[in-house]
Structure formats: structure tokens, C-alpha cells
Amino acid sequence: MTLPILTALPGERRGYVDGVDGQLHYRSFGEGPPVVLVHQAPWASIQFRHVLPLLAAAGYRAVALALPAHGRSAPPARPGIDAYAAAVGALIERLELGPAAVVGHRGGALAAGHLAAERPALVAGLVLDNAPFYDAAEREARVGRFPDNQEIAPDGSHLTERWAWARRVGDPDWSDETLHVSVVTYFTHGPWKEHGHSVIPLHDFTRDVPRIACPTLIVASRTDPLFAFGGRLHAARPDWSYAELPGGPGMALDRPAEWMVPIRAFLAGLFPSRADKN
């Protein structure tokens, strides 16, 4: 049976905390050492709806936030990775989770990594899930490549057009459920200037990577267009752990049990005093 897509899961708690620019919405599941999950743009906390119960079952408190202007969170005054990292830090502080393990996917990994570099006391360990590790030329080439357009067509064709676009350029293995989530969250976040995809190339992650001191796991998904960045990151930081997943960017939603394998092993090493329940 398919679970309702946009409703709370049994046992899930939702809430708000005050961030720098307004309210931040989050989902919380389970009890134990804290694991904060940071979604990719332009999605929201719903990206982790299938892994939240798995992390809880393994003995962790899993908290997924919606970044500013995503999901039900307020928009930032100045969109950017700095603002997103500040939001993650505010969540950790308001919920008294620190130091927490922070798991970031794609653009969310940049926010998580920037937080670890800027405020190391809040981050016990870091997972960079397919983080885009662009050089200067790649960042310049990517500026403006994914413009936001949430205009509503009177015949509803904006939804089918976005569906077709996401099917064409997204993970070919995405399920219909994942594609649905991507379309709905895209039109939920609103037409904020320099938001979502567009802020990623404006941030130089190469400046953060040398400053990250906490234990870190690099995750690279083999059919993700960003797969090669995992090897590039590992070359820059050979002291970090490295793991590969068999799928693409939809692993957390479509193949959560497989996504959990390297994450769970990393967390077990990070929190050795907590015996894994499974």
C-alpha cells in the first residue's frame, strides 16, 4: 500500500522554530542521537519521508527541515547557501540538538558543509550526499541554467509541463511518486529570486572543504550526474570516508533501505555509545 504523499506519517511530529529570517518548518521522528537532514533544491523535508522512520528504528532522532522559502518555511532576506546554513544552525540550536550529525543532499550538502566549516561546535559529523564540488569555471557555466518559473497556466498545463521537464532531465529511475513530489514541492516554494538551484553556483564550496574538521562521509550515487564530484571531493579530502550507491539522486525516496546502508554505518561509528537497535 502506498502511503499518503503529503500527509504526516504515523509517529511523525511536525513543528516550527524561529530562524534568522522567519519560521522554519521541520519533521521529527524517533528518539536518540540527533540526525539532521537537509534536502536538495527545490524540494523540501518531504524528500526524507521514507528514511525518517528507518533512522528512528535504528535508534536516532531524525529531524528534516525545510530550508528557507522551501516547503512551509519563510523566505530569506538574502537567498543563498549562507542563509541555508544559518537556518540549519538555527534549527539545531532551537531544538537543542547540537552537536548533531548533519546529512545534506546536493545543494543541501553545501549548506551542511558550510555550517560545519563556520560553526563546528554544532556538527558532530557530516554526510555529503552527492555534493556539487564545482570549480570556478563550472560554477560560472552553471549560473542561470535552471531559472525558476512558477507561473500558473489557466488550463493547468504548468503542472504537466514541469512533469515532462523533470522526467526528461531528472533521474530516469525516479518513480511516479518521486516525480510527483518534485513537481508539487517545486510549485510550493514560490518564485523567490535567486532561490533553489540558482544559488548553488554562487557559493564556492572549495573554500569550505579544507576548513571542515568533523568526521565526514562522502556519498556518490553512480547514475547521478554529480557522481564524479564524489571522487573529486575524496581526492581533496582523502581523510574522509567514501561510499558509492547504485542509483541516482532519487535514492532517499525510491530506495531508502539501500540509501541507509552507508549512512547507518557512518552514524554507528559517530555515536558508538548507542547500540544500533537493528
C-alpha atoms as a PDB file:
ATOM      1  CA  MET A   1       0.000   0.000   0.000  1.00  0.00           C
ATOM      2  CA  THR A   2       1.326   3.444  -0.914  1.00  0.00           C
ATOM      3  CA  LEU A   3       1.378   5.880   1.996  1.00  0.00           C
ATOM      4  CA  PRO A   4      -0.268   9.291   1.514  1.00  0.00           C
ATOM      5  CA  ILE A   5       2.392  11.517   0.000  1.00  0.00           C
ATOM      6  CA  LEU A   6       1.822  14.937   1.551  1.00  0.00           C
ATOM      7  CA  THR A   7       0.478  13.979   4.967  1.00  0.00           C
ATOM      8  CA  ALA A   8       2.336  13.198   8.178  1.00  0.00           C
ATOM      9  CA  LEU A   9       3.495   9.635   8.708  1.00  0.00           C
ATOM     10  CA  PRO A  10       2.339   7.699  11.784  1.00  0.00           C
ATOM     11  CA  GLY A  11       4.620   8.728  14.641  1.00  0.00           C
ATOM     12  CA  GLU A  12       5.932  11.804  12.866  1.00  0.00           C
ATOM     13  CA  ARG A  13       5.957  15.132  14.700  1.00  0.00           C
ATOM     14  CA  ARG A  14       5.972  18.471  12.895  1.00  0.00           C
ATOM     15  CA  GLY A  15       6.754  21.913  14.180  1.00  0.00           C
ATOM     16  CA  TYR A  16       8.311  25.320  13.638  1.00  0.00           C
ATOM     17  CA  VAL A  17      11.318  27.094  15.069  1.00  0.00           C
ATOM     18  CA  ASP A  18      12.359  30.705  14.577  1.00  0.00           C
ATOM     19  CA  GLY A  19      15.201  31.139  12.137  1.00  0.00           C
ATOM     20  CA  VAL A  20      17.153  34.238  11.143  1.00  0.00           C
ATOM     21  CA  ASP A  21      14.547  35.241   8.545  1.00  0.00           C
ATOM     22  CA  GLY A  22      11.355  33.768   9.982  1.00  0.00           C
ATOM     23  CA  GLN A  23       9.827  30.417  10.764  1.00  0.00           C
ATOM     24  CA  LEU A  24      11.440  27.148   9.738  1.00  0.00           C
ATOM     25  CA  HIS A  25       9.269  24.068   9.339  1.00  0.00           C
ATOM     26  CA  TYR A  26      10.575  20.641  10.326  1.00  0.00           C
ATOM     27  CA  ARG A  27       9.602  16.979  10.675  1.00  0.00           C
ATOM     28  CA  SER A  28      10.892  14.892  13.580  1.00  0.00           C
ATOM     29  CA  PHE A  29      10.849  11.133  14.001  1.00  0.00           C
ATOM     30  CA  GLY A  30      12.201   8.932  16.812  1.00  0.00           C
ATOM     31  CA  GLU A  31      14.465   9.496  19.811  1.00  0.00           C
ATOM     32  CA  GLY A  32      18.191   9.206  20.318  1.00  0.00           C
ATOM     33  CA  PRO A  33      21.317  10.904  18.958  1.00  0.00           C
ATOM     34  CA  PRO A  34      20.236  13.677  16.589  1.00  0.00           C
ATOM     35  CA  VAL A  35      20.488  13.366  12.819  1.00  0.00           C
ATOM     36  CA  VAL A  36      19.527  16.495  10.863  1.00  0.00           C
ATOM     37  CA  LEU A  37      18.576  16.009   7.210  1.00  0.00           C
ATOM     38  CA  VAL A  38      18.964  18.818   4.667  1.00  0.00           C
ATOM     39  CA  HIS A  39      17.146  18.408   1.351  1.00  0.00           C
ATOM     40  CA  GLN A  40      18.175  19.372  -2.160  1.00  0.00           C
ATOM     41  CA  ALA A  41      16.719  22.361  -4.022  1.00  0.00           C
ATOM     42  CA  PRO A  42      13.936  22.949  -4.886  1.00  0.00           C
ATOM     43  CA  TRP A  43      12.461  20.181  -2.736  1.00  0.00           C
ATOM     44  CA  ALA A  44      11.600  20.211   0.983  1.00  0.00           C
ATOM     45  CA  SER A  45      11.725  17.975   4.057  1.00  0.00           C
ATOM     46  CA  ILE A  46       9.375  15.521   2.339  1.00  0.00           C
ATOM     47  CA  GLN A  47      12.410  14.217   0.443  1.00  0.00           C
ATOM     48  CA  PHE A  48      13.291  12.207   3.564  1.00  0.00           C
ATOM     49  CA  ARG A  49       9.808  10.860   4.355  1.00  0.00           C
ATOM     50  CA  HIS A  50      10.885   7.247   3.783  1.00  0.00           C
ATOM     51  CA  VAL A  51      14.225   7.388   5.633  1.00  0.00           C
ATOM     52  CA  LEU A  52      12.910   9.185   8.741  1.00  0.00           C
ATOM     53  CA  PRO A  53      11.224   6.004  10.083  1.00  0.00           C
ATOM     54  CA  LEU A  54      14.301   3.928   9.234  1.00  0.00           C
ATOM     55  CA  LEU A  55      16.584   6.244  11.179  1.00  0.00           C
ATOM     56  CA  ALA A  56      14.144   6.231  14.087  1.00  0.00           C
ATOM     57  CA  ALA A  57      14.016   2.435  14.060  1.00  0.00           C
ATOM     58  CA  ALA A  58      17.822   2.385  14.227  1.00  0.00           C
ATOM     59  CA  GLY A  59      17.717   4.475  17.414  1.00  0.00           C
ATOM     60  CA  TYR A  60      18.155   8.063  16.231  1.00  0.00           C
ATOM     61  CA  ARG A  61      16.130  11.234  16.404  1.00  0.00           C
ATOM     62  CA  ALA A  62      15.815  12.168  12.735  1.00  0.00           C
ATOM     63  CA  VAL A  63      14.884  15.788  12.015  1.00  0.00           C
ATOM     64  CA  ALA A  64      14.333  17.040   8.458  1.00  0.00           C
ATOM     65  CA  LEU A  65      13.867  20.763   7.956  1.00  0.00           C
ATOM     66  CA  ALA A  66      12.523  22.737   5.039  1.00  0.00           C
ATOM     67  CA  LEU A  67      15.127  25.286   4.017  1.00  0.00           C
ATOM     68  CA  PRO A  68      14.060  28.953   3.825  1.00  0.00           C
ATOM     69  CA  ALA A  69      11.492  29.538   1.029  1.00  0.00           C
ATOM     70  CA  HIS A  70      11.056  25.776   0.612  1.00  0.00           C
ATOM     71  CA  GLY A  71       8.041  23.829   1.809  1.00  0.00           C
ATOM     72  CA  ARG A  72       6.402  25.745   4.651  1.00  0.00           C
ATOM     73  CA  SER A  73       9.448  27.753   5.726  1.00  0.00           C
ATOM     74  CA  ALA A  74       9.627  31.542   5.406  1.00  0.00           C
ATOM     75  CA  PRO A  75      11.749  33.060   2.608  1.00  0.00           C
ATOM     76  CA  PRO A  76      15.142  34.536   3.492  1.00  0.00           C
ATOM     77  CA  ALA A  77      16.006  38.204   3.057  1.00  0.00           C
ATOM     78  CA  ARG A  78      19.067  37.208   1.050  1.00  0.00           C
ATOM     79  CA  PRO A  79      18.806  33.749  -0.540  1.00  0.00           C
ATOM     80  CA  GLY A  80      21.998  31.762  -0.675  1.00  0.00           C
ATOM     81  CA  ILE A  81      23.957  28.897   0.844  1.00  0.00           C
ATOM     82  CA  ASP A  82      24.915  31.199   3.742  1.00  0.00           C
ATOM     83  CA  ALA A  83      21.224  31.687   4.583  1.00  0.00           C
ATOM     84  CA  TYR A  84      20.506  27.972   4.267  1.00  0.00           C
ATOM     85  CA  ALA A  85      23.432  27.054   6.529  1.00  0.00           C
ATOM     86  CA  ALA A  86      22.252  29.630   9.074  1.00  0.00           C
ATOM     87  CA  ALA A  87      18.797  28.030   9.001  1.00  0.00           C
ATOM     88  CA  VAL A  88      20.233  24.580   9.746  1.00  0.00           C
ATOM     89  CA  GLY A  89      22.247  26.075  12.599  1.00  0.00           C
ATOM     90  CA  ALA A  90      19.172  27.827  13.987  1.00  0.00           C
ATOM     91  CA  LEU A  91      17.204  24.573  13.932  1.00  0.00           C
ATOM     92  CA  ILE A  92      19.956  22.732  15.805  1.00  0.00           C
ATOM     93  CA  GLU A  93      20.142  25.489  18.407  1.00  0.00           C
ATOM     94  CA  ARG A  94      16.386  25.966  18.893  1.00  0.00           C
ATOM     95  CA  LEU A  95      15.756  22.229  19.291  1.00  0.00           C
ATOM     96  CA  GLU A  96      18.933  21.814  21.385  1.00  0.00           C
ATOM     97  CA  LEU A  97      20.241  19.080  19.102  1.00  0.00           C
ATOM     98  CA  GLY A  98      23.893  20.046  18.960  1.00  0.00           C
ATOM     99  CA  PRO A  99      26.268  18.651  18.222  1.00  0.00           C
ATOM    100  CA  ALA A 100      24.287  16.710  15.624  1.00  0.00           C
ATOM    101  CA  ALA A 101      25.077  14.540  12.657  1.00  0.00           C
ATOM    102  CA  VAL A 102      24.080  16.563   9.592  1.00  0.00           C
ATOM    103  CA  VAL A 103      23.200  14.855   6.312  1.00  0.00           C
ATOM    104  CA  GLY A 104      22.909  17.076   3.243  1.00  0.00           C
ATOM    105  CA  HIS A 105      21.876  16.119  -0.282  1.00  0.00           C
ATOM    106  CA  ARG A 106      23.173  18.035  -3.313  1.00  0.00           C
ATOM    107  CA  GLY A 107      22.612  21.754  -2.592  1.00  0.00           C
ATOM    108  CA  GLY A 108      21.639  20.763   0.943  1.00  0.00           C
ATOM    109  CA  ALA A 109      25.109  19.243   1.273  1.00  0.00           C
ATOM    110  CA  LEU A 110      26.634  22.643   0.513  1.00  0.00           C
ATOM    111  CA  ALA A 111      24.560  24.176   3.312  1.00  0.00           C
ATOM    112  CA  ALA A 112      25.517  21.370   5.696  1.00  0.00           C
ATOM    113  CA  GLY A 113      29.187  21.631   4.777  1.00  0.00           C
ATOM    114  CA  HIS A 114      29.218  25.417   5.124  1.00  0.00           C
ATOM    115  CA  LEU A 115      27.665  25.098   8.582  1.00  0.00           C
ATOM    116  CA  ALA A 116      30.321  22.549   9.589  1.00  0.00           C
ATOM    117  CA  ALA A 117      33.057  24.912   8.410  1.00  0.00           C
ATOM    118  CA  GLU A 118      31.584  28.025  10.039  1.00  0.00           C
ATOM    119  CA  ARG A 119      30.152  26.600  13.270  1.00  0.00           C
ATOM    120  CA  PRO A 120      31.927  23.337  14.048  1.00  0.00           C
ATOM    121  CA  ALA A 121      30.502  23.105  17.581  1.00  0.00           C
ATOM    122  CA  LEU A 122      27.062  22.353  16.113  1.00  0.00           C
ATOM    123  CA  VAL A 123      28.135  19.482  13.841  1.00  0.00           C
ATOM    124  CA  ALA A 124      29.352  16.167  15.253  1.00  0.00           C
ATOM    125  CA  GLY A 125      29.625  14.548  11.845  1.00  0.00           C
ATOM    126  CA  LEU A 126      28.762  15.324   8.257  1.00  0.00           C
ATOM    127  CA  VAL A 127      27.379  13.358   5.312  1.00  0.00           C
ATOM    128  CA  LEU A 128      27.841  14.977   1.896  1.00  0.00           C
ATOM    129  CA  ASP A 129      25.377  13.134  -0.338  1.00  0.00           C
ATOM    130  CA  ASN A 130      26.283  13.930  -3.970  1.00  0.00           C
ATOM    131  CA  ALA A 131      27.558  17.400  -3.119  1.00  0.00           C
ATOM    132  CA  PRO A 132      28.289  19.573  -6.178  1.00  0.00           C
ATOM    133  CA  PHE A 133      32.014  20.333  -5.881  1.00  0.00           C
ATOM    134  CA  TYR A 134      32.336  22.774  -8.768  1.00  0.00           C
ATOM    135  CA  ASP A 135      35.474  24.630  -9.737  1.00  0.00           C
ATOM    136  CA  ALA A 136      35.259  28.302 -10.702  1.00  0.00           C
ATOM    137  CA  ALA A 137      34.699  27.665 -14.417  1.00  0.00           C
ATOM    138  CA  GLU A 138      31.952  25.110 -13.742  1.00  0.00           C
ATOM    139  CA  ARG A 139      30.178  27.452 -11.366  1.00  0.00           C
ATOM    140  CA  GLU A 140      30.246  30.267 -13.909  1.00  0.00           C
ATOM    141  CA  ALA A 141      28.868  27.988 -16.633  1.00  0.00           C
ATOM    142  CA  ARG A 142      26.011  26.911 -14.375  1.00  0.00           C
ATOM    143  CA  VAL A 143      24.742  30.387 -13.451  1.00  0.00           C
ATOM    144  CA  GLY A 144      21.205  30.842 -14.783  1.00  0.00           C
ATOM    145  CA  ARG A 145      20.954  27.296 -16.112  1.00  0.00           C
ATOM    146  CA  PHE A 146      17.860  26.419 -14.064  1.00  0.00           C
ATOM    147  CA  PRO A 147      15.673  29.538 -13.862  1.00  0.00           C
ATOM    148  CA  ASP A 148      12.651  29.461 -11.588  1.00  0.00           C
ATOM    149  CA  ASN A 149       9.208  29.892 -13.158  1.00  0.00           C
ATOM    150  CA  GLN A 150       6.117  29.244 -11.045  1.00  0.00           C
ATOM    151  CA  GLU A 151       3.626  30.934 -13.345  1.00  0.00           C
ATOM    152  CA  ILE A 152       0.241  29.212 -13.199  1.00  0.00           C
ATOM    153  CA  ALA A 153      -1.363  28.365 -16.534  1.00  0.00           C
ATOM    154  CA  PRO A 154      -5.180  28.676 -16.608  1.00  0.00           C
ATOM    155  CA  ASP A 155      -5.510  25.179 -18.058  1.00  0.00           C
ATOM    156  CA  GLY A 156      -3.154  23.597 -15.509  1.00  0.00           C
ATOM    157  CA  SER A 157      -0.556  22.849 -18.162  1.00  0.00           C
ATOM    158  CA  HIS A 158       2.194  24.272 -15.920  1.00  0.00           C
ATOM    159  CA  LEU A 159       1.954  21.027 -13.935  1.00  0.00           C
ATOM    160  CA  THR A 160       2.209  18.680 -16.915  1.00  0.00           C
ATOM    161  CA  GLU A 161       4.972  20.776 -18.443  1.00  0.00           C
ATOM    162  CA  ARG A 162       7.002  20.606 -15.231  1.00  0.00           C
ATOM    163  CA  TRP A 163       6.301  16.868 -15.000  1.00  0.00           C
ATOM    164  CA  ALA A 164       7.622  16.348 -18.544  1.00  0.00           C
ATOM    165  CA  TRP A 165      10.661  18.534 -17.846  1.00  0.00           C
ATOM    166  CA  ALA A 166      11.517  16.687 -14.628  1.00  0.00           C
ATOM    167  CA  ARG A 167      11.080  13.317 -16.347  1.00  0.00           C
ATOM    168  CA  ARG A 168      13.387  14.456 -19.135  1.00  0.00           C
ATOM    169  CA  VAL A 169      16.230  15.939 -17.059  1.00  0.00           C
ATOM    170  CA  GLY A 170      15.783  14.135 -13.720  1.00  0.00           C
ATOM    171  CA  ASP A 171      16.784  10.679 -12.582  1.00  0.00           C
ATOM    172  CA  PRO A 172      15.485   8.194 -15.195  1.00  0.00           C
ATOM    173  CA  ASP A 173      14.815   5.735 -12.364  1.00  0.00           C
ATOM    174  CA  TRP A 174      12.517   8.088 -10.451  1.00  0.00           C
ATOM    175  CA  SER A 175       9.210   6.531  -9.523  1.00  0.00           C
ATOM    176  CA  ASP A 176       5.945   8.328 -10.248  1.00  0.00           C
ATOM    177  CA  GLU A 177       5.730   9.129  -6.533  1.00  0.00           C
ATOM    178  CA  THR A 178       9.131  10.829  -6.531  1.00  0.00           C
ATOM    179  CA  LEU A 179       8.315  12.739  -9.693  1.00  0.00           C
ATOM    180  CA  HIS A 180       5.033  13.860  -8.128  1.00  0.00           C
ATOM    181  CA  VAL A 181       6.871  15.096  -5.033  1.00  0.00           C
ATOM    182  CA  SER A 182       9.353  17.007  -7.186  1.00  0.00           C
ATOM    183  CA  VAL A 183       6.574  18.794  -9.095  1.00  0.00           C
ATOM    184  CA  VAL A 184       4.419  19.613  -6.071  1.00  0.00           C
ATOM    185  CA  THR A 185       7.332  20.921  -3.977  1.00  0.00           C
ATOM    186  CA  TYR A 186       8.581  22.996  -6.898  1.00  0.00           C
ATOM    187  CA  PHE A 187       5.325  24.944  -7.082  1.00  0.00           C
ATOM    188  CA  THR A 188       5.061  25.126  -3.296  1.00  0.00           C
ATOM    189  CA  HIS A 189       8.273  27.020  -2.691  1.00  0.00           C
ATOM    190  CA  GLY A 190       7.263  30.143  -4.607  1.00  0.00           C
ATOM    191  CA  PRO A 191       9.005  32.387  -7.151  1.00  0.00           C
ATOM    192  CA  TRP A 192      11.788  33.791  -4.978  1.00  0.00           C
ATOM    193  CA  LYS A 193      14.635  35.469  -6.822  1.00  0.00           C
ATOM    194  CA  GLU A 194      17.962  33.576  -6.772  1.00  0.00           C
ATOM    195  CA  HIS A 195      16.374  30.686  -4.953  1.00  0.00           C
ATOM    196  CA  GLY A 196      16.875  26.949  -5.077  1.00  0.00           C
ATOM    197  CA  HIS A 197      19.061  25.754  -7.926  1.00  0.00           C
ATOM    198  CA  SER A 198      20.207  29.252  -8.813  1.00  0.00           C
ATOM    199  CA  VAL A 199      22.123  29.881  -5.574  1.00  0.00           C
ATOM    200  CA  ILE A 200      24.306  26.773  -5.844  1.00  0.00           C
ATOM    201  CA  PRO A 201      26.847  28.110  -8.356  1.00  0.00           C
ATOM    202  CA  LEU A 202      27.102  31.360  -6.399  1.00  0.00           C
ATOM    203  CA  HIS A 203      28.770  29.532  -3.496  1.00  0.00           C
ATOM    204  CA  ASP A 204      32.429  28.484  -3.627  1.00  0.00           C
ATOM    205  CA  PHE A 205      32.440  25.188  -1.739  1.00  0.00           C
ATOM    206  CA  THR A 206      36.171  24.771  -2.348  1.00  0.00           C
ATOM    207  CA  ARG A 207      36.697  27.343   0.435  1.00  0.00           C
ATOM    208  CA  ASP A 208      34.663  25.333   2.937  1.00  0.00           C
ATOM    209  CA  VAL A 209      36.112  21.881   2.326  1.00  0.00           C
ATOM    210  CA  PRO A 210      39.587  22.494   3.841  1.00  0.00           C
ATOM    211  CA  ARG A 211      38.008  24.002   6.978  1.00  0.00           C
ATOM    212  CA  ILE A 212      35.709  21.091   7.848  1.00  0.00           C
ATOM    213  CA  ALA A 213      37.159  19.286  10.852  1.00  0.00           C
ATOM    214  CA  CYS A 214      34.445  16.800  11.853  1.00  0.00           C
ATOM    215  CA  PRO A 215      34.235  13.165  10.648  1.00  0.00           C
ATOM    216  CA  THR A 216      32.758  13.246   7.160  1.00  0.00           C
ATOM    217  CA  LEU A 217      31.276  10.706   4.764  1.00  0.00           C
ATOM    218  CA  ILE A 218      31.134  11.366   1.028  1.00  0.00           C
ATOM    219  CA  VAL A 219      28.276   9.567  -0.728  1.00  0.00           C
ATOM    220  CA  ALA A 220      28.346   9.277  -4.535  1.00  0.00           C
ATOM    221  CA  SER A 221      25.449   7.758  -6.497  1.00  0.00           C
ATOM    222  CA  ARG A 222      26.642   6.082  -9.683  1.00  0.00           C
ATOM    223  CA  THR A 223      23.838   7.218 -12.009  1.00  0.00           C
ATOM    224  CA  ASP A 224      23.632  10.731 -10.552  1.00  0.00           C
ATOM    225  CA  PRO A 225      25.014  13.380 -12.959  1.00  0.00           C
ATOM    226  CA  LEU A 226      27.007  14.643  -9.948  1.00  0.00           C
ATOM    227  CA  PHE A 227      28.658  11.250  -9.350  1.00  0.00           C
ATOM    228  CA  ALA A 228      32.152  12.391 -10.393  1.00  0.00           C
ATOM    229  CA  PHE A 229      32.181  15.070  -7.716  1.00  0.00           C
ATOM    230  CA  GLY A 230      32.374  12.357  -5.061  1.00  0.00           C
ATOM    231  CA  GLY A 231      35.753  11.236  -6.348  1.00  0.00           C
ATOM    232  CA  ARG A 232      36.891  14.831  -6.683  1.00  0.00           C
ATOM    233  CA  LEU A 233      35.894  15.563  -3.085  1.00  0.00           C
ATOM    234  CA  HIS A 234      37.682  12.442  -1.869  1.00  0.00           C
ATOM    235  CA  ALA A 235      40.829  13.493  -3.716  1.00  0.00           C
ATOM    236  CA  ALA A 236      40.637  16.862  -1.944  1.00  0.00           C
ATOM    237  CA  ARG A 237      39.993  15.207   1.436  1.00  0.00           C
ATOM    238  CA  PRO A 238      41.378  11.643   1.399  1.00  0.00           C
ATOM    239  CA  ASP A 239      40.928  11.536   5.177  1.00  0.00           C
ATOM    240  CA  TRP A 240      37.150  11.453   4.704  1.00  0.00           C
ATOM    241  CA  SER A 241      35.166   8.248   4.273  1.00  0.00           C
ATOM    242  CA  TYR A 242      33.725   7.442   0.854  1.00  0.00           C
ATOM    243  CA  ALA A 243      30.802   5.255  -0.237  1.00  0.00           C
ATOM    244  CA  GLU A 244      29.002   4.647  -3.526  1.00  0.00           C
ATOM    245  CA  LEU A 245      25.319   3.960  -4.060  1.00  0.00           C
ATOM    246  CA  PRO A 246      23.958   2.053  -7.071  1.00  0.00           C
ATOM    247  CA  GLY A 247      21.250   4.503  -8.118  1.00  0.00           C
ATOM    248  CA  GLY A 248      20.806   8.206  -8.770  1.00  0.00           C
ATOM    249  CA  PRO A 249      19.538  11.316  -6.957  1.00  0.00           C
ATOM    250  CA  GLY A 250      16.249   9.660  -6.003  1.00  0.00           C
ATOM    251  CA  MET A 251      17.776   7.057  -3.672  1.00  0.00           C
ATOM    252  CA  ALA A 252      16.409   8.515  -0.407  1.00  0.00           C
ATOM    253  CA  LEU A 253      12.833   8.398  -1.705  1.00  0.00           C
ATOM    254  CA  ASP A 254      12.801   5.404  -4.026  1.00  0.00           C
ATOM    255  CA  ARG A 255      15.436   3.114  -2.474  1.00  0.00           C
ATOM    256  CA  PRO A 256      15.624   4.170   1.188  1.00  0.00           C
ATOM    257  CA  ALA A 257      16.918   0.841   2.548  1.00  0.00           C
ATOM    258  CA  GLU A 258      19.894   0.968   0.174  1.00  0.00           C
ATOM    259  CA  TRP A 259      20.462   4.654   0.903  1.00  0.00           C
ATOM    260  CA  MET A 260      20.601   3.820   4.612  1.00  0.00           C
ATOM    261  CA  VAL A 261      23.441   1.283   4.370  1.00  0.00           C
ATOM    262  CA  PRO A 262      26.443   3.674   4.310  1.00  0.00           C
ATOM    263  CA  ILE A 263      24.619   6.298   6.390  1.00  0.00           C
ATOM    264  CA  ARG A 264      23.875   3.817   9.148  1.00  0.00           C
ATOM    265  CA  ALA A 265      27.448   2.526   9.242  1.00  0.00           C
ATOM    266  CA  PHE A 266      28.777   6.074   9.482  1.00  0.00           C
ATOM    267  CA  LEU A 267      26.374   7.001  12.278  1.00  0.00           C
ATOM    268  CA  ALA A 268      27.265   3.866  14.237  1.00  0.00           C
ATOM    269  CA  GLY A 269      30.899   4.970  14.194  1.00  0.00           C
ATOM    270  CA  LEU A 270      29.963   8.521  15.100  1.00  0.00           C
ATOM    271  CA  PHE A 271      27.805   7.545  18.075  1.00  0.00           C
ATOM    272  CA  PRO A 272      29.496   4.348  19.361  1.00  0.00           C
ATOM    273  CA  SER A 273      27.862   4.553  22.798  1.00  0.00           C
ATOM    274  CA  ARG A 274      24.471   3.923  21.220  1.00  0.00           C
ATOM    275  CA  ALA A 275      23.894   0.287  20.274  1.00  0.00           C
ATOM    276  CA  ASP A 276      22.095   0.043  16.934  1.00  0.00           C
ATOM    277  CA  LYS A 277      18.618  -1.368  17.548  1.00  0.00           C
ATOM    278  CA  ASN A 278      18.587  -3.461  14.387  1.00  0.00           C
END
